[in-house]
Amino acid sequence: MSKPLDALEAAIGHEFSDQSLARRALTHRSARREHNERLEFLGDALLGFLVAEQAWTAHPEADEGDLTIMRSAVVKGSALTGVARELELGDFLELGSGEAGSGGRERDSILAAAVEALLAAVYLDGGMEACREFVRRWIPEPGADYASSGVRKDNKTRLQELIQSERRALPDYELLGIQGKSHQQRFEVRCLLPGHRIVTEGSGPSRRAAEQMAAGKALAALGREE
């Protein structure tokens, strides 16, 4: 790996007791016999469960079909590849010389598999709560893709489309602070609508969740809640 493992631990918010788990999660089958495919299998199952749990909790109004769409949108390869690139995961991968030379560090399938394997490594090292924290911090919130999935759009999307239709200045989101320990953080966010002189605040276990709450309050202030 071209980057030290502690840099990745700092990024994901989990310090491994057994770093060999993390190293295996980042090892492609082209590098050596002990690679990450078994961890990828476990991580795929864990991810599906935890995203389904998030969607079920966050969207009590959604039926089974909507929940399935939300989960599928989050666990698909393109979403995981986005997470991997945000974490710069390619820089930590151990690849065989041939794979590395052919651009393996940027290959979508390798990056997505590494995210799932890393999730499994976090679970095996720190348990389910550590795994939940990884998902909450890094995996896109289920339901955030309402606009493209065919179910009801999320609050931020609805608010932005409404403001755009009025040709006013777009909503501005400001992080006010983060409270609590790393595994139980609460994010506080402010939403400002310059054209309407409306200011709302929201809180949640992630910045995304806090922004959604603030956007929902802004919609309510505009008389557009549903």
Protein backbone atom coordinates (compact mmCIF):
# COMPACT_ATOMS: atom_id res chain seq x y z
CA MET A 1 0.00 0.00 0.00
CA SER A 2 1.31 3.43 -0.89
CA LYS A 3 -0.33 5.14 2.08
CA PRO A 4 -0.01 4.16 5.76
CA LEU A 5 -3.00 2.40 7.27
CA ASP A 6 -3.38 4.94 10.08
CA ALA A 7 -4.32 7.58 7.50
CA LEU A 8 -7.26 5.43 6.43
CA GLU A 9 -8.22 4.73 10.05
CA ALA A 10 -8.40 8.46 10.68
CA ALA A 11 -10.56 8.96 7.58
CA ILE A 12 -13.10 6.25 8.41
CA GLY A 13 -13.14 6.95 12.16
CA HIS A 14 -12.16 3.45 13.26
CA GLU A 15 -8.84 2.36 14.74
CA PHE A 16 -8.29 -1.35 14.15
CA SER A 17 -7.28 -3.58 17.03
CA ASP A 18 -6.33 -6.17 14.42
CA GLN A 19 -4.82 -4.34 11.48
CA SER A 20 -4.44 -7.56 9.54
CA LEU A 21 -8.19 -7.44 8.90
CA ALA A 22 -7.88 -4.03 7.28
CA ARG A 23 -4.90 -5.12 5.22
CA ARG A 24 -6.75 -8.16 3.94
CA ALA A 25 -9.77 -6.00 3.08
CA LEU A 26 -7.50 -3.87 0.91
CA THR A 27 -5.77 -6.80 -0.82
CA HIS A 28 -6.93 -7.74 -4.32
CA ARG A 29 -6.74 -11.33 -5.44
CA SER A 30 -4.05 -10.41 -7.96
CA ALA A 31 -1.64 -9.61 -5.11
CA ARG A 32 -1.58 -12.85 -3.08
CA ARG A 33 -3.60 -15.84 -1.93
CA GLU A 34 -5.03 -14.17 1.17
CA HIS A 35 -7.23 -11.57 -0.52
CA ASN A 36 -10.46 -9.72 0.23
CA GLU A 37 -13.14 -11.73 -1.57
CA ARG A 38 -14.48 -13.51 1.55
CA LEU A 39 -14.64 -10.19 3.35
CA GLU A 40 -16.40 -8.68 0.34
CA PHE A 41 -19.07 -11.40 0.59
CA LEU A 42 -19.70 -10.63 4.27
CA GLY A 43 -19.59 -6.88 3.72
CA ASP A 44 -22.20 -7.09 0.97
CA ALA A 45 -24.62 -8.81 3.37
CA LEU A 46 -23.90 -6.37 6.18
CA LEU A 47 -24.35 -3.37 3.92
CA GLY A 48 -27.70 -4.60 2.62
CA PHE A 49 -28.98 -5.13 6.15
CA LEU A 50 -27.75 -1.83 7.59
CA VAL A 51 -29.02 0.27 4.68
CA ALA A 52 -32.39 -1.51 4.89
CA GLU A 53 -32.45 -0.76 8.63
CA GLN A 54 -31.67 2.90 7.98
CA ALA A 55 -34.36 3.22 5.32
CA TRP A 56 -36.96 1.46 7.45
CA THR A 57 -36.23 3.75 10.42
CA ALA A 58 -35.92 7.03 8.53
CA HIS A 59 -38.93 6.59 6.23
CA PRO A 60 -41.86 5.13 8.19
CA GLU A 61 -44.24 6.22 5.43
CA ALA A 62 -42.49 4.20 2.73
CA ASP A 63 -43.89 0.88 1.56
CA GLU A 64 -41.88 -2.24 0.76
CA GLY A 65 -41.36 -1.22 -2.86
CA ASP A 66 -40.01 2.20 -1.97
CA LEU A 67 -37.72 0.73 0.69
CA THR A 68 -36.36 -1.75 -1.82
CA ILE A 69 -35.63 1.04 -4.29
CA MET A 70 -33.87 3.09 -1.61
CA ARG A 71 -31.70 0.17 -0.57
CA SER A 72 -30.83 -0.79 -4.13
CA ALA A 73 -29.80 2.78 -4.99
CA VAL A 74 -27.34 2.86 -2.09
CA VAL A 75 -25.75 -0.59 -2.34
CA LYS A 76 -25.19 -0.47 -6.10
CA GLY A 77 -21.62 -0.38 -7.38
CA SER A 78 -21.62 3.25 -8.50
CA ALA A 79 -22.54 4.50 -5.02
CA LEU A 80 -19.81 2.40 -3.42
CA THR A 81 -17.27 3.56 -5.98
CA GLY A 82 -18.11 7.13 -5.02
CA VAL A 83 -17.40 6.31 -1.38
CA ALA A 84 -14.11 4.66 -2.32
CA ARG A 85 -12.98 7.70 -4.28
CA GLU A 86 -13.94 10.05 -1.47
CA LEU A 87 -11.80 7.94 0.87
CA GLU A 88 -9.04 7.76 -1.77
CA LEU A 89 -9.18 4.02 -1.20
CA GLY A 90 -7.24 3.24 -4.35
CA ASP A 91 -4.11 4.63 -2.72
CA PHE A 92 -4.35 1.98 0.03
CA LEU A 93 -4.97 -1.06 -2.16
CA GLU A 94 -2.50 -3.90 -2.52
CA LEU A 95 -2.58 -5.11 -6.13
CA GLY A 96 -0.52 -7.43 -8.25
CA SER A 97 1.91 -5.66 -10.56
CA GLY A 98 -0.16 -6.42 -13.63
CA GLU A 99 -3.39 -5.14 -12.09
CA ALA A 100 -1.68 -2.06 -10.73
CA GLY A 101 -0.09 -1.35 -14.09
CA SER A 102 -3.42 -1.59 -15.93
CA GLY A 103 -5.17 1.00 -13.77
CA GLY A 104 -6.62 -1.27 -11.10
CA ARG A 105 -6.52 1.43 -8.45
CA GLU A 106 -9.17 3.35 -10.42
CA ARG A 107 -11.26 0.37 -11.55
CA ASP A 108 -14.84 0.72 -10.33
CA SER A 109 -15.39 -2.96 -9.55
CA ILE A 110 -12.21 -3.20 -7.47
CA LEU A 111 -13.02 -0.03 -5.54
CA ALA A 112 -16.61 -1.07 -4.78
CA ALA A 113 -15.47 -4.50 -3.61
CA ALA A 114 -12.88 -2.91 -1.33
CA VAL A 115 -15.55 -0.77 0.36
CA GLU A 116 -17.62 -3.88 1.13
CA ALA A 117 -14.56 -5.77 2.35
CA LEU A 118 -13.52 -2.85 4.55
CA LEU A 119 -17.01 -2.71 6.07
CA ALA A 120 -16.73 -6.40 6.96
CA ALA A 121 -13.29 -5.81 8.47
CA VAL A 122 -14.70 -3.04 10.66
CA TYR A 123 -17.49 -5.38 11.77
CA LEU A 124 -15.13 -8.23 12.65
CA ASP A 125 -12.80 -5.88 14.48
CA GLY A 126 -15.26 -3.64 16.32
CA GLY A 127 -18.69 -5.24 16.19
CA MET A 128 -22.03 -4.13 14.79
CA GLU A 129 -22.05 -0.65 16.31
CA ALA A 130 -18.70 0.17 14.71
CA CYS A 131 -20.11 -1.17 11.46
CA ARG A 132 -23.21 1.04 11.81
CA GLU A 133 -21.01 4.05 12.45
CA PHE A 134 -19.03 3.37 9.27
CA VAL A 135 -22.26 3.16 7.25
CA ARG A 136 -23.75 6.25 8.89
CA ARG A 137 -20.62 8.29 8.24
CA TRP A 138 -19.68 7.18 4.75
CA ILE A 139 -22.51 5.40 2.93
CA PRO A 140 -25.10 7.65 1.19
CA GLU A 141 -28.29 8.06 3.18
CA PRO A 142 -31.09 5.86 1.79
CA GLY A 143 -33.78 8.00 0.22
CA ALA A 144 -31.41 10.79 -0.84
CA ASP A 145 -31.91 9.74 -4.49
CA TYR A 146 -35.70 10.09 -4.52
CA ALA A 147 -35.57 12.24 -7.64
CA SER A 148 -34.10 9.45 -9.76
CA SER A 149 -35.60 6.43 -8.02
CA GLY A 150 -39.24 7.15 -8.68
CA VAL A 151 -40.34 7.56 -5.05
CA ARG A 152 -41.06 10.83 -3.25
CA LYS A 153 -38.16 13.26 -3.52
CA ASP A 154 -36.15 14.13 -0.44
CA ASN A 155 -36.53 17.49 1.27
CA LYS A 156 -33.34 19.07 -0.07
CA THR A 157 -34.24 18.20 -3.65
CA ARG A 158 -37.82 19.46 -3.26
CA LEU A 159 -36.64 22.70 -1.67
CA GLN A 160 -34.01 23.35 -4.34
CA GLU A 161 -36.45 22.69 -7.18
CA LEU A 162 -39.02 25.02 -5.58
CA ILE A 163 -36.50 27.83 -5.16
CA GLN A 164 -35.20 27.35 -8.70
CA SER A 165 -38.73 27.57 -10.05
CA GLU A 166 -39.07 30.95 -8.31
CA ARG A 167 -35.72 32.11 -9.72
CA ARG A 168 -34.47 33.02 -6.27
CA ALA A 169 -31.09 32.47 -4.62
CA LEU A 170 -30.52 28.79 -3.79
CA PRO A 171 -30.61 27.50 -0.19
CA ASP A 172 -27.38 27.84 1.73
CA TYR A 173 -26.47 25.16 4.30
CA GLU A 174 -24.04 25.94 7.12
CA LEU A 175 -22.59 23.48 9.61
CA LEU A 176 -23.09 25.02 13.06
CA GLY A 177 -21.33 22.37 15.08
CA ILE A 178 -20.83 18.73 15.95
CA GLN A 179 -21.73 17.45 19.40
CA GLY A 180 -20.89 14.20 21.15
CA LYS A 181 -18.24 11.53 20.88
CA SER A 182 -17.15 10.15 17.51
CA HIS A 183 -19.48 7.15 17.68
CA GLN A 184 -22.52 9.20 18.83
CA GLN A 185 -22.14 12.50 17.02
CA ARG A 186 -24.99 14.94 16.40
CA PHE A 187 -24.60 17.42 13.57
CA GLU A 188 -26.24 20.86 13.77
CA VAL A 189 -26.97 22.62 10.46
CA ARG A 190 -28.57 25.92 9.45
CA CYS A 191 -30.51 26.41 6.21
CA LEU A 192 -30.80 29.97 4.89
CA LEU A 193 -33.19 31.02 2.12
CA PRO A 194 -31.91 34.49 1.14
CA GLY A 195 -34.83 35.26 -1.17
CA HIS A 196 -37.42 34.52 1.52
CA ARG A 197 -35.49 35.65 4.60
CA ILE A 198 -36.15 32.25 6.16
CA VAL A 199 -33.65 30.55 8.45
CA THR A 200 -34.18 27.05 9.83
CA GLU A 201 -32.04 24.59 11.74
CA GLY A 202 -31.81 20.82 11.79
CA SER A 203 -29.89 18.14 13.62
CA GLY A 204 -29.11 14.49 13.00
CA PRO A 205 -26.54 11.70 13.23
CA SER A 206 -24.93 12.87 9.97
CA ARG A 207 -24.62 16.17 8.14
CA ARG A 208 -26.86 14.83 5.40
CA ALA A 209 -29.59 14.00 7.92
CA ALA A 210 -29.31 17.40 9.58
CA GLU A 211 -29.57 19.19 6.23
CA GLN A 212 -32.64 17.13 5.32
CA MET A 213 -34.33 18.17 8.59
CA ALA A 214 -33.48 21.84 8.04
CA ALA A 215 -34.77 21.66 4.46
CA GLY A 216 -37.99 20.06 5.69
CA LYS A 217 -38.53 22.91 8.13
CA ALA A 218 -37.89 25.42 5.33
CA LEU A 219 -40.53 23.71 3.20
CA ALA A 220 -42.94 23.90 6.12
CA ALA A 221 -42.20 27.61 6.54
CA LEU A 222 -43.04 28.05 2.86
CA GLY A 223 -46.28 26.12 3.31
CA ARG A 224 -45.04 23.22 1.17
CA GLU A 225 -44.83 20.41 3.71
CA GLU A 226 -46.50 17.12 2.73
